C-alpha atoms as a PDB file:
ATOM      1  CA  MET A   1       0.000   0.000   0.000  1.00  0.00           C
ATOM      2  CA  VAL A   2       1.299   3.395  -0.978  1.00  0.00           C
ATOM      3  CA  VAL A   3       0.283   6.532   0.959  1.00  0.00           C
ATOM      4  CA  ARG A   4       0.683   9.875  -0.718  1.00  0.00           C
ATOM      5  CA  TRP A   5       0.581  13.209   1.106  1.00  0.00           C
ATOM      6  CA  THR A   6      -0.634  16.094  -0.948  1.00  0.00           C
ATOM      7  CA  SER A   7      -0.011  19.681  -0.014  1.00  0.00           C
ATOM      8  CA  LEU A   8      -2.886  22.173   0.094  1.00  0.00           C
ATOM      9  CA  ASN A   9      -0.886  24.157  -2.421  1.00  0.00           C
ATOM     10  CA  SER A  10      -0.959  21.309  -4.930  1.00  0.00           C
ATOM     11  CA  ARG A  11      -3.216  21.598  -7.939  1.00  0.00           C
ATOM     12  CA  PRO A  12      -5.786  18.874  -6.992  1.00  0.00           C
ATOM     13  CA  ASN A  13      -6.677  20.656  -3.718  1.00  0.00           C
ATOM     14  CA  ARG A  14      -6.984  24.175  -5.053  1.00  0.00           C
ATOM     15  CA  PRO A  15     -10.793  23.901  -5.479  1.00  0.00           C
ATOM     16  CA  VAL A  16     -11.080  23.012  -1.767  1.00  0.00           C
ATOM     17  CA  ARG A  17      -9.223  26.153  -0.764  1.00  0.00           C
ATOM     18  CA  GLN A  18     -11.316  28.210  -3.125  1.00  0.00           C
ATOM     19  CA  ARG A  19     -14.492  26.784  -1.603  1.00  0.00           C
ATOM     20  CA  VAL A  20     -13.259  27.657   1.899  1.00  0.00           C
ATOM     21  CA  VAL A  21     -12.464  31.216   0.840  1.00  0.00           C
ATOM     22  CA  SER A  22     -15.820  31.498  -0.916  1.00  0.00           C
ATOM     23  CA  CYS A  23     -17.606  30.237   2.203  1.00  0.00           C
ATOM     24  CA  PHE A  24     -15.930  32.812   4.436  1.00  0.00           C
ATOM     25  CA  THR A  25     -16.694  35.519   1.880  1.00  0.00           C
ATOM     26  CA  SER A  26     -20.375  34.544   1.836  1.00  0.00           C
ATOM     27  CA  VAL A  27     -20.585  34.530   5.632  1.00  0.00           C
ATOM     28  CA  GLY A  28     -18.942  37.944   5.727  1.00  0.00           C
ATOM     29  CA  ALA A  29     -21.409  39.251   3.155  1.00  0.00           C
ATOM     30  CA  VAL A  30     -24.335  37.950   5.222  1.00  0.00           C
ATOM     31  CA  TYR A  31     -23.032  39.622   8.386  1.00  0.00           C
ATOM     32  CA  LEU A  32     -22.417  42.832   6.444  1.00  0.00           C
ATOM     33  CA  PHE A  33     -25.970  42.777   5.068  1.00  0.00           C
ATOM     34  CA  MET A  34     -27.447  42.082   8.512  1.00  0.00           C
ATOM     35  CA  GLY A  35     -25.417  44.909   9.991  1.00  0.00           C
ATOM     36  CA  LEU A  36     -26.532  47.319   7.276  1.00  0.00           C
ATOM     37  CA  ARG A  37     -30.159  46.267   7.738  1.00  0.00           C
ATOM     38  CA  THR A  38     -29.934  46.794  11.497  1.00  0.00           C
ATOM     39  CA  TRP A  39     -28.413  50.224  10.932  1.00  0.00           C
ATOM     40  CA  TYR A  40     -31.094  51.059   8.364  1.00  0.00           C
ATOM     41  CA  ARG A  41     -33.914  50.103  10.755  1.00  0.00           C
ATOM     42  CA  SER A  42     -32.255  52.124  13.526  1.00  0.00           C
ATOM     43  CA  THR A  43     -33.060  55.208  11.455  1.00  0.00           C
ATOM     44  CA  GLY A  44     -36.744  54.260  11.657  1.00  0.00           C
ATOM     45  CA  ALA A  45     -37.013  53.161   8.027  1.00  0.00           C
ATOM     46  CA  ASP A  46     -37.936  49.756   6.620  1.00  0.00           C
ATOM     47  CA  LEU A  47     -37.042  48.321   3.240  1.00  0.00           C
ATOM     48  CA  PRO A  48     -39.840  47.346   0.841  1.00  0.00           C
ATOM     49  CA  PHE A  49     -41.331  43.974   1.798  1.00  0.00           C
ATOM     50  CA  GLN A  50     -39.787  44.319   5.263  1.00  0.00           C
ATOM     51  CA  SER A  51     -42.224  44.235   8.160  1.00  0.00           C
ATOM     52  CA  PRO A  52     -42.412  47.454  10.220  1.00  0.00           C
ATOM     53  CA  LEU A  53     -43.860  45.561  13.206  1.00  0.00           C
ATOM     54  CA  PRO A  54     -40.667  44.705  15.162  1.00  0.00           C
ATOM     55  CA  ALA A  55     -39.120  47.381  17.347  1.00  0.00           C
ATOM     56  CA  HIS A  56     -36.780  49.854  15.689  1.00  0.00           C
ATOM     57  CA  PRO A  57     -33.606  50.152  17.796  1.00  0.00           C
ATOM     58  CA  GLY A  58     -32.361  53.681  18.120  1.00  0.00           C
ATOM     59  CA  VAL A  59     -35.588  55.646  17.614  1.00  0.00           C
ATOM     60  CA  ALA A  60     -36.696  57.986  20.383  1.00  0.00           C
ATOM     61  CA  MET A  61     -40.269  56.716  20.630  1.00  0.00           C
ATOM     62  CA  GLU A  62     -42.496  53.884  19.454  1.00  0.00           C
ATOM     63  CA  GLY A  63     -46.171  54.289  20.271  1.00  0.00           C
ATOM     64  CA  TYR A  64     -48.561  51.316  20.370  1.00  0.00           C
ATOM     65  CA  PHE A  65     -52.287  51.938  20.276  1.00  0.00           C
ATOM     66  CA  TRP A  66     -55.335  49.663  20.566  1.00  0.00           C
ATOM     67  CA  ARG A  67     -58.990  50.670  20.265  1.00  0.00           C
ATOM     68  CA  ILE A  68     -61.946  48.423  21.166  1.00  0.00           C
ATOM     69  CA  THR A  69     -65.473  49.263  20.043  1.00  0.00           C
ATOM     70  CA  GLU A  70     -68.682  47.480  21.050  1.00  0.00           C
ATOM     71  CA  PRO A  71     -71.382  48.863  18.716  1.00  0.00           C
ATOM     72  CA  ALA A  72     -74.289  47.191  20.537  1.00  0.00           C
ATOM     73  CA  THR A  73     -73.588  49.121  23.770  1.00  0.00           C
ATOM     74  CA  GLY A  74     -71.739  52.134  22.355  1.00  0.00           C
ATOM     75  CA  ARG A  75     -68.717  51.381  24.511  1.00  0.00           C
ATOM     76  CA  VAL A  76     -65.239  52.383  23.371  1.00  0.00           C
ATOM     77  CA  ILE A  77     -61.942  51.578  25.098  1.00  0.00           C
ATOM     78  CA  ILE A  78     -58.507  52.908  24.217  1.00  0.00           C
ATOM     79  CA  ALA A  79     -55.222  51.525  25.522  1.00  0.00           C
ATOM     80  CA  LEU A  80     -51.813  52.877  24.572  1.00  0.00           C
ATOM     81  CA  ASN A  81     -48.181  52.359  25.412  1.00  0.00           C
ATOM     82  CA  GLY A  82     -45.531  54.843  24.341  1.00  0.00           C
ATOM     83  CA  VAL A  83     -42.139  53.123  24.589  1.00  0.00           C
ATOM     84  CA  ASN A  84     -39.662  55.977  25.039  1.00  0.00           C
ATOM     85  CA  ARG A  85     -35.887  55.667  24.978  1.00  0.00           C
ATOM     86  CA  GLY A  86     -34.371  58.325  27.192  1.00  0.00           C
ATOM     87  CA  PRO A  87     -30.816  59.040  28.361  1.00  0.00           C
ATOM     88  CA  TYR A  88     -31.395  56.912  31.486  1.00  0.00           C
ATOM     89  CA  GLY A  89     -33.043  54.001  29.743  1.00  0.00           C
ATOM     90  CA  PRO A  90     -36.475  53.089  28.371  1.00  0.00           C
ATOM     91  CA  TRP A  91     -39.686  54.173  30.073  1.00  0.00           C
ATOM     92  CA  ALA A  92     -43.370  53.984  29.155  1.00  0.00           C
ATOM     93  CA  ALA A  93     -46.186  56.512  28.843  1.00  0.00           C
ATOM     94  CA  LEU A  94     -49.359  54.510  29.493  1.00  0.00           C
ATOM     95  CA  GLY A  95     -52.953  55.462  28.854  1.00  0.00           C
ATOM     96  CA  PHE A  96     -56.369  53.881  29.397  1.00  0.00           C
ATOM     97  CA  ALA A  97     -59.579  55.645  28.366  1.00  0.00           C
ATOM     98  CA  ALA A  98     -63.231  54.663  28.015  1.00  0.00           C
ATOM     99  CA  HIS A  99     -66.536  55.969  26.709  1.00  0.00           C
ATOM    100  CA  PRO A 100     -69.246  56.626  27.805  1.00  0.00           C
ATOM    101  CA  GLY A 101     -68.335  58.486  30.959  1.00  0.00           C
ATOM    102  CA  GLY A 102     -65.187  60.233  29.778  1.00  0.00           C
ATOM    103  CA  PHE A 103     -62.872  57.993  31.810  1.00  0.00           C
ATOM    104  CA  LEU A 104     -59.153  58.634  31.399  1.00  0.00           C
ATOM    105  CA  CYS A 105     -56.198  57.256  33.338  1.00  0.00           C
ATOM    106  CA  VAL A 106     -52.571  57.957  32.433  1.00  0.00           C
ATOM    107  CA  ASP A 107     -49.323  56.908  34.055  1.00  0.00           C
ATOM    108  CA  ALA A 108     -45.561  56.968  33.516  1.00  0.00           C
ATOM    109  CA  HIS A 109     -43.917  53.593  34.076  1.00  0.00           C
ATOM    110  CA  PRO A 110     -40.173  53.282  34.803  1.00  0.00           C
ATOM    111  CA  THR A 111     -39.697  50.255  32.528  1.00  0.00           C
ATOM    112  CA  ALA A 112     -40.709  49.558  28.951  1.00  0.00           C
ATOM    113  CA  SER A 113     -39.878  47.189  26.133  1.00  0.00           C
ATOM    114  CA  ALA A 114     -41.006  46.365  22.613  1.00  0.00           C
ATOM    115  CA  ASP A 115     -40.719  43.031  20.836  1.00  0.00           C
ATOM    116  CA  HIS A 116     -37.918  42.652  18.302  1.00  0.00           C
ATOM    117  CA  VAL A 117     -39.783  39.819  16.565  1.00  0.00           C
ATOM    118  CA  GLY A 118     -43.392  40.487  15.646  1.00  0.00           C
ATOM    119  CA  ILE A 119     -45.510  43.066  17.452  1.00  0.00           C
ATOM    120  CA  GLY A 120     -45.652  43.672  21.186  1.00  0.00           C
ATOM    121  CA  ALA A 121     -45.314  46.384  23.833  1.00  0.00           C
ATOM    122  CA  HIS A 122     -44.794  45.874  27.554  1.00  0.00           C
ATOM    123  CA  ALA A 123     -44.372  47.810  30.806  1.00  0.00           C
ATOM    124  CA  GLY A 124     -43.777  45.515  33.770  1.00  0.00           C
ATOM    125  CA  ASP A 125     -47.061  44.189  35.192  1.00  0.00           C
ATOM    126  CA  ALA A 126     -48.937  47.305  34.086  1.00  0.00           C
ATOM    127  CA  PHE A 127     -49.152  46.662  30.351  1.00  0.00           C
ATOM    128  CA  HIS A 128     -48.906  43.797  27.893  1.00  0.00           C
ATOM    129  CA  GLY A 129     -50.170  44.020  24.340  1.00  0.00           C
ATOM    130  CA  ASP A 130     -49.641  42.024  21.162  1.00  0.00           C
ATOM    131  CA  ASP A 131     -51.708  40.575  18.330  1.00  0.00           C
ATOM    132  CA  ARG A 132     -53.470  38.001  20.530  1.00  0.00           C
ATOM    133  CA  ARG A 133     -53.959  39.576  23.951  1.00  0.00           C
ATOM    134  CA  LEU A 134     -54.219  42.977  25.567  1.00  0.00           C
ATOM    135  CA  ARG A 135     -53.822  43.420  29.320  1.00  0.00           C
ATOM    136  CA  VAL A 136     -53.706  46.730  31.225  1.00  0.00           C
ATOM    137  CA  ASP A 137     -53.502  47.260  34.988  1.00  0.00           C
ATOM    138  CA  LEU A 138     -53.205  50.904  36.050  1.00  0.00           C
ATOM    139  CA  GLY A 139     -54.984  50.394  39.354  1.00  0.00           C
ATOM    140  CA  PRO A 140     -58.158  48.800  40.726  1.00  0.00           C
ATOM    141  CA  ASP A 141     -60.330  51.198  38.695  1.00  0.00           C
ATOM    142  CA  ALA A 142     -58.452  50.987  35.377  1.00  0.00           C
ATOM    143  CA  ARG A 143     -57.988  47.434  34.162  1.00  0.00           C
ATOM    144  CA  LEU A 144     -58.420  45.519  30.929  1.00  0.00           C
ATOM    145  CA  ASP A 145     -57.916  41.874  30.029  1.00  0.00           C
ATOM    146  CA  VAL A 146     -59.095  40.722  26.609  1.00  0.00           C
ATOM    147  CA  THR A 147     -58.201  38.179  23.955  1.00  0.00           C
ATOM    148  CA  ILE A 148     -58.112  38.895  20.222  1.00  0.00           C
ATOM    149  CA  ASP A 149     -59.501  36.338  17.789  1.00  0.00           C
ATOM    150  CA  ASP A 150     -59.932  36.317  14.000  1.00  0.00           C
ATOM    151  CA  PRO A 151     -57.403  39.137  13.521  1.00  0.00           C
ATOM    152  CA  LEU A 152     -57.433  41.068  10.250  1.00  0.00           C
ATOM    153  CA  PRO A 153     -53.832  42.163   9.683  1.00  0.00           C
ATOM    154  CA  TRP A 154     -52.579  44.756   7.243  1.00  0.00           C
ATOM    155  CA  PRO A 155     -52.945  42.991   3.865  1.00  0.00           C
ATOM    156  CA  HIS A 156     -50.157  44.589   1.823  1.00  0.00           C
ATOM    157  CA  ARG A 157     -46.622  43.203   1.836  1.00  0.00           C
ATOM    158  CA  ALA A 158     -44.568  45.807  -0.020  1.00  0.00           C
ATOM    159  CA  PHE A 159     -45.241  48.792   2.246  1.00  0.00           C
ATOM    160  CA  GLY A 160     -46.972  49.653   5.506  1.00  0.00           C
ATOM    161  CA  GLY A 161     -49.268  52.545   6.312  1.00  0.00           C
ATOM    162  CA  SER A 162     -46.591  55.132   5.525  1.00  0.00           C
ATOM    163  CA  SER A 163     -46.470  53.908   1.926  1.00  0.00           C
ATOM    164  CA  LEU A 164     -43.269  54.899   0.084  1.00  0.00           C
ATOM    165  CA  PHE A 165     -42.221  57.123   2.980  1.00  0.00           C
ATOM    166  CA  GLN A 166     -41.627  53.935   4.985  1.00  0.00           C
ATOM    167  CA  SER A 167     -38.270  53.578   3.191  1.00  0.00           C
ATOM    168  CA  VAL A 168     -37.054  57.152   3.742  1.00  0.00           C
ATOM    169  CA  PRO A 169     -34.431  57.029   6.536  1.00  0.00           C
ATOM    170  CA  ALA A 170     -34.506  59.239   9.636  1.00  0.00           C
ATOM    171  CA  LEU A 171     -38.008  60.660   9.296  1.00  0.00           C
ATOM    172  CA  ASN A 172     -39.347  62.210  12.467  1.00  0.00           C
ATOM    173  CA  GLN A 173     -42.519  60.091  12.239  1.00  0.00           C
ATOM    174  CA  TYR A 174     -43.786  56.856  10.667  1.00  0.00           C
ATOM    175  CA  TRP A 175     -47.250  55.283  10.965  1.00  0.00           C
ATOM    176  CA  HIS A 176     -48.614  51.791  10.416  1.00  0.00           C
ATOM    177  CA  PRO A 177     -52.162  50.477  11.154  1.00  0.00           C
ATOM    178  CA  TRP A 178     -51.215  46.846  11.590  1.00  0.00           C
ATOM    179  CA  LEU A 179     -54.505  45.408  12.936  1.00  0.00           C
ATOM    180  CA  LEU A 180     -57.617  46.406  10.993  1.00  0.00           C
ATOM    181  CA  GLY A 181     -60.145  44.237  12.749  1.00  0.00           C
ATOM    182  CA  GLY A 182     -60.828  41.247  14.928  1.00  0.00           C
ATOM    183  CA  ARG A 183     -63.100  39.947  17.656  1.00  0.00           C
ATOM    184  CA  VAL A 184     -62.455  40.810  21.287  1.00  0.00           C
ATOM    185  CA  ASN A 185     -63.726  39.039  24.387  1.00  0.00           C
ATOM    186  CA  GLY A 186     -62.884  39.779  28.006  1.00  0.00           C
ATOM    187  CA  THR A 187     -63.475  42.235  30.829  1.00  0.00           C
ATOM    188  CA  ALA A 188     -62.696  45.858  31.585  1.00  0.00           C
ATOM    189  CA  THR A 189     -62.828  47.731  34.887  1.00  0.00           C
ATOM    190  CA  VAL A 190     -63.767  51.353  34.285  1.00  0.00           C
ATOM    191  CA  GLY A 191     -64.057  53.322  37.511  1.00  0.00           C
ATOM    192  CA  ASP A 192     -66.534  51.454  39.695  1.00  0.00           C
ATOM    193  CA  GLU A 193     -68.034  49.516  36.762  1.00  0.00           C
ATOM    194  CA  THR A 194     -67.069  46.158  35.248  1.00  0.00           C
ATOM    195  CA  TRP A 195     -67.741  45.732  31.538  1.00  0.00           C
ATOM    196  CA  GLU A 196     -68.118  42.333  29.901  1.00  0.00           C
ATOM    197  CA  LEU A 197     -67.010  42.538  26.272  1.00  0.00           C
ATOM    198  CA  HIS A 198     -68.452  40.027  23.799  1.00  0.00           C
ATOM    199  CA  ASP A 199     -67.416  39.958  20.117  1.00  0.00           C
ATOM    200  CA  ALA A 200     -66.332  43.591  20.245  1.00  0.00           C
ATOM    201  CA  GLN A 201     -64.320  45.057  17.365  1.00  0.00           C
ATOM    202  CA  ILE A 202     -60.680  46.087  17.587  1.00  0.00           C
ATOM    203  CA  TYR A 203     -58.158  48.221  15.737  1.00  0.00           C
ATOM    204  CA  ALA A 204     -54.450  48.698  16.472  1.00  0.00           C
ATOM    205  CA  GLU A 205     -51.581  50.746  15.095  1.00  0.00           C
ATOM    206  CA  LYS A 206     -48.055  51.859  15.881  1.00  0.00           C
ATOM    207  CA  ASN A 207     -46.127  55.032  15.176  1.00  0.00           C
ATOM    208  CA  TRP A 208     -42.468  55.788  15.693  1.00  0.00           C
ATOM    209  CA  GLY A 209     -39.758  58.256  14.846  1.00  0.00           C
ATOM    210  CA  ARG A 210     -36.215  59.426  15.480  1.00  0.00           C
ATOM    211  CA  GLU A 211     -37.364  62.619  17.242  1.00  0.00           C
ATOM    212  CA  GLY A 212     -40.519  61.504  19.011  1.00  0.00           C
ATOM    213  CA  PHE A 213     -43.539  63.391  17.684  1.00  0.00           C
ATOM    214  CA  PRO A 214     -43.519  65.944  14.842  1.00  0.00           C
ATOM    215  CA  ASP A 215     -44.313  69.608  15.388  1.00  0.00           C
ATOM    216  CA  SER A 216     -47.764  69.120  13.856  1.00  0.00           C
ATOM    217  CA  TRP A 217     -49.815  65.939  13.669  1.00  0.00           C
ATOM    218  CA  TRP A 218     -53.402  64.998  12.674  1.00  0.00           C
ATOM    219  CA  TRP A 219     -55.129  61.686  12.913  1.00  0.00           C
ATOM    220  CA  GLY A 220     -58.548  60.069  12.761  1.00  0.00           C
ATOM    221  CA  GLN A 221     -60.140  56.649  12.800  1.00  0.00           C
ATOM    222  CA  ALA A 222     -63.636  55.146  12.656  1.00  0.00           C
ATOM    223  CA  GLN A 223     -65.083  51.700  13.264  1.00  0.00           C
ATOM    224  CA  GLY A 224     -68.118  50.067  14.836  1.00  0.00           C
ATOM    225  CA  PHE A 225     -70.390  50.202  11.783  1.00  0.00           C
ATOM    226  CA  GLU A 226     -73.215  47.755  11.187  1.00  0.00           C
ATOM    227  CA  GLU A 227     -71.074  46.312   8.394  1.00  0.00           C
ATOM    228  CA  ARG A 228     -68.104  44.865  10.245  1.00  0.00           C
ATOM    229  CA  ASP A 229     -65.885  45.119   7.182  1.00  0.00           C
ATOM    230  CA  ALA A 230     -66.136  48.921   7.119  1.00  0.00           C
ATOM    231  CA  CYS A 231     -63.228  50.910   8.498  1.00  0.00           C
ATOM    232  CA  VAL A 232     -61.227  54.045   7.894  1.00  0.00           C
ATOM    233  CA  ALA A 233     -58.049  55.439   9.423  1.00  0.00           C
ATOM    234  CA  PHE A 234     -55.718  58.249   8.480  1.00  0.00           C
ATOM    235  CA  ALA A 235     -52.720  60.062   9.908  1.00  0.00           C
ATOM    236  CA  GLY A 236     -50.478  62.869   8.769  1.00  0.00           C
ATOM    237  CA  GLY A 237     -48.209  65.647   9.818  1.00  0.00           C
ATOM    238  CA  GLN A 238     -45.126  67.650   9.083  1.00  0.00           C
ATOM    239  CA  VAL A 239     -42.365  65.170   8.356  1.00  0.00           C
ATOM    240  CA  HIS A 240     -38.750  65.837   7.599  1.00  0.00           C
ATOM    241  CA  SER A 241     -35.453  64.059   7.098  1.00  0.00           C
ATOM    242  CA  GLY A 242     -32.436  66.288   6.631  1.00  0.00           C
ATOM    243  CA  PRO A 243     -33.232  68.796   3.870  1.00  0.00           C
ATOM    244  CA  ILE A 244     -36.483  66.981   2.966  1.00  0.00           C
ATOM    245  CA  ARG A 245     -39.496  68.655   4.579  1.00  0.00           C
ATOM    246  CA  THR A 246     -43.141  68.248   3.603  1.00  0.00           C
ATOM    247  CA  GLU A 247     -46.674  67.584   4.846  1.00  0.00           C
ATOM    248  CA  VAL A 248     -48.215  64.201   4.079  1.00  0.00           C
ATOM    249  CA  THR A 249     -51.348  62.306   5.033  1.00  0.00           C
ATOM    250  CA  ALA A 250     -51.613  58.532   4.779  1.00  0.00           C
ATOM    251  CA  TRP A 251     -54.973  56.805   4.960  1.00  0.00           C
ATOM    252  CA  SER A 252     -56.429  53.325   4.693  1.00  0.00           C
ATOM    253  CA  SER A 253     -59.995  52.239   4.147  1.00  0.00           C
ATOM    254  CA  GLY A 254     -61.988  49.065   3.705  1.00  0.00           C
ATOM    255  CA  CYS A 255     -65.237  50.926   3.139  1.00  0.00           C
ATOM    256  CA  PRO A 256     -66.070  51.286  -0.580  1.00  0.00           C
ATOM    257  CA  GLU A 257     -68.018  54.513  -0.094  1.00  0.00           C
ATOM    258  CA  VAL A 258     -65.011  56.160   1.564  1.00  0.00           C
ATOM    259  CA  ALA A 259     -62.269  54.499  -0.459  1.00  0.00           C
ATOM    260  CA  SER A 260     -63.701  55.748  -3.721  1.00  0.00           C
ATOM    261  CA  SER A 261     -63.214  59.400  -2.802  1.00  0.00           C
ATOM    262  CA  ALA A 262     -59.844  60.191  -1.260  1.00  0.00           C
ATOM    263  CA  SER A 263     -60.492  63.922  -1.684  1.00  0.00           C
ATOM    264  CA  GLU A 264     -63.142  63.760   1.014  1.00  0.00           C
ATOM    265  CA  ILE A 265     -60.620  62.946   3.742  1.00  0.00           C
ATOM    266  CA  ARG A 266     -57.699  65.348   3.743  1.00  0.00           C
ATOM    267  CA  GLY A 267     -55.574  67.282   6.156  1.00  0.00           C
ATOM    268  CA  SER A 268     -56.757  67.860   9.690  1.00  0.00           C
ATOM    269  CA  ALA A 269     -58.485  64.965  11.366  1.00  0.00           C
ATOM    270  CA  ARG A 270     -61.131  67.421  12.495  1.00  0.00           C
ATOM    271  CA  CYS A 271     -62.437  67.589   8.935  1.00  0.00           C
ATOM    272  CA  MET A 272     -64.436  64.572   7.788  1.00  0.00           C
ATOM    273  CA  ARG A 273     -66.912  64.998   4.971  1.00  0.00           C
ATOM    274  CA  SER A 274     -67.997  61.403   4.509  1.00  0.00           C
ATOM    275  CA  SER A 275     -71.480  60.799   5.919  1.00  0.00           C
ATOM    276  CA  THR A 276     -70.598  57.113   6.214  1.00  0.00           C
ATOM    277  CA  MET A 277     -67.903  57.921   8.756  1.00  0.00           C
ATOM    278  CA  ASN A 278     -70.231  60.063  10.832  1.00  0.00           C
ATOM    279  CA  ASP A 279     -72.647  57.172  11.185  1.00  0.00           C
ATOM    280  CA  GLY A 280     -70.079  55.074  13.053  1.00  0.00           C
ATOM    281  CA  CYS A 281     -68.021  55.389  16.205  1.00  0.00           C
ATOM    282  CA  CYS A 282     -65.240  57.767  15.319  1.00  0.00           C
ATOM    283  CA  THR A 283     -62.356  59.417  17.105  1.00  0.00           C
ATOM    284  CA  ALA A 284     -60.496  62.366  15.641  1.00  0.00           C
ATOM    285  CA  GLY A 285     -58.014  64.979  16.735  1.00  0.00           C
ATOM    286  CA  ALA A 286     -55.332  67.392  15.669  1.00  0.00           C
ATOM    287  CA  SER A 287     -52.601  68.924  17.761  1.00  0.00           C
ATOM    288  CA  GLY A 288     -48.957  69.780  18.023  1.00  0.00           C
ATOM    289  CA  GLY A 289     -48.428  66.624  20.062  1.00  0.00           C
ATOM    290  CA  ARG A 290     -49.989  63.184  20.380  1.00  0.00           C
ATOM    291  CA  SER A 291     -53.580  62.779  19.179  1.00  0.00           C
ATOM    292  CA  THR A 292     -55.586  59.644  19.766  1.00  0.00           C
ATOM    293  CA  SER A 293     -57.921  57.655  17.446  1.00  0.00           C
ATOM    294  CA  PRO A 294     -58.724  54.168  15.764  1.00  0.00           C
ATOM    295  CA  ALA A 295     -60.145  51.920  12.656  1.00  0.00           C
ATOM    296  CA  ARG A 296     -61.410  48.551  11.302  1.00  0.00           C
ATOM    297  CA  ARG A 297     -60.920  45.866   8.588  1.00  0.00           C
ATOM    298  CA  ARG A 298     -58.942  45.693   5.353  1.00  0.00           C
ATOM    299  CA  ALA A 299     -56.903  48.622   4.114  1.00  0.00           C
ATOM    300  CA  GLN A 300     -57.637  48.403   0.420  1.00  0.00           C
ATOM    301  CA  HIS A 301     -56.278  51.794  -0.615  1.00  0.00           C
ATOM    302  CA  PRO A 302     -53.258  52.941   1.445  1.00  0.00           C
ATOM    303  CA  THR A 303     -51.921  56.130  -0.100  1.00  0.00           C
ATOM    304  CA  SER A 304     -49.975  59.247   0.806  1.00  0.00           C
ATOM    305  CA  PHE A 305     -50.754  62.655  -0.615  1.00  0.00           C
ATOM    306  CA  PRO A 306     -50.143  66.341   0.189  1.00  0.00           C
ATOM    307  CA  CYS A 307     -52.402  67.765   2.851  1.00  0.00           C
ATOM    308  CA  ARG A 308     -54.896  70.413   1.806  1.00  0.00           C
ATOM    309  CA  CYS A 309     -57.675  70.607   4.343  1.00  0.00           C
ATOM    310  CA  PRO A 310     -61.081  71.624   2.878  1.00  0.00           C
ATOM    311  CA  PRO A 311     -62.847  74.678   4.313  1.00  0.00           C
ATOM    312  CA  ARG A 312     -64.356  73.968   7.707  1.00  0.00           C
ATOM    313  CA  SER A 313     -67.759  75.204   6.521  1.00  0.00           C
ATOM    314  CA  ALA A 314     -67.807  72.372   3.974  1.00  0.00           C
ATOM    315  CA  THR A 315     -67.246  69.636   6.544  1.00  0.00           C
ATOM    316  CA  ARG A 316     -69.254  67.761   9.111  1.00  0.00           C
ATOM    317  CA  ARG A 317     -67.834  67.180  12.566  1.00  0.00           C
ATOM    318  CA  ALA A 318     -67.438  63.578  13.574  1.00  0.00           C
ATOM    319  CA  HIS A 319     -68.348  62.906  17.179  1.00  0.00           C
ATOM    320  CA  SER A 320     -65.487  62.084  19.492  1.00  0.00           C
ATOM    321  CA  SER A 321     -65.706  58.901  21.496  1.00  0.00           C
ATOM    322  CA  ILE A 322     -63.360  60.202  24.220  1.00  0.00           C
ATOM    323  CA  SER A 323     -63.843  63.166  26.479  1.00  0.00           C
ATOM    324  CA  PRO A 324     -60.829  63.264  28.818  1.00  0.00           C
ATOM    325  CA  ALA A 325     -62.424  64.320  32.079  1.00  0.00           C
ATOM    326  CA  ARG A 326     -60.280  62.343  34.479  1.00  0.00           C
ATOM    327  CA  SER A 327     -56.556  61.849  34.732  1.00  0.00           C
ATOM    328  CA  ARG A 328     -54.145  60.299  37.131  1.00  0.00           C
END
């Protein structure tokens, strides 16, 4: 038997060395791509076909908002968690509101976190929310524990609610209505009352940005119609990234009557001309800070367009489902 030793430098083994080098090059390229993607998301932006649901590391604020509507009783519940990243670590701005009665409870929690896979916002034992369950405990008179079934997620894969602006890095604000419907069952403690929720409707969204909230912001949302598939939601404001500065409004609708006429919903959330929207449970607001509101079902027509609010005399005021009369 003859044993031959062949050097790695010999011709027969050159392909092996080339494969090793190629393997290390591929691994390096993967790590480089992952690093660039992490950096890109840290600016607040998401590539096309990339989900905006996971937390964006490096942004100043990510706000998570749920709205529950029970049309049969006229009850509306809002729960929100603003995950803020300050110089001393993350903290949460929590809110729980209900209608009728104008109940409002707010709190600042010293801890906060957002899921890096999927959707989820948390604040110790005081708040837990994702796509299947929502639990709030801000005291014995402000509690919520519900499950979410038959969720109707955002149906488009290429972009979220911010449309093309989703891919612009370092904007001061992004918006995405990720849950456009579903059935909610559970209980809520509102003041000295306990509400049993059965097959209520739900809407949820998130917004985030490098600088917290923009200087000007408008927003509106409606749900709770007799036709469960009907929904509308819109949000806009003054957005900027470096030298780019403009006003945009993004909106989504699963209601044919509303979706067919984008010109009827523009600019300030105070201005809603669609009679269909005024027949449902609607929340609207406009301010220089955070405004609150919600929506329902499939977003068939998500678009962004310049904001030109129609004259107030030509609009009808949608009734607000929240009257903040109590705070903590």
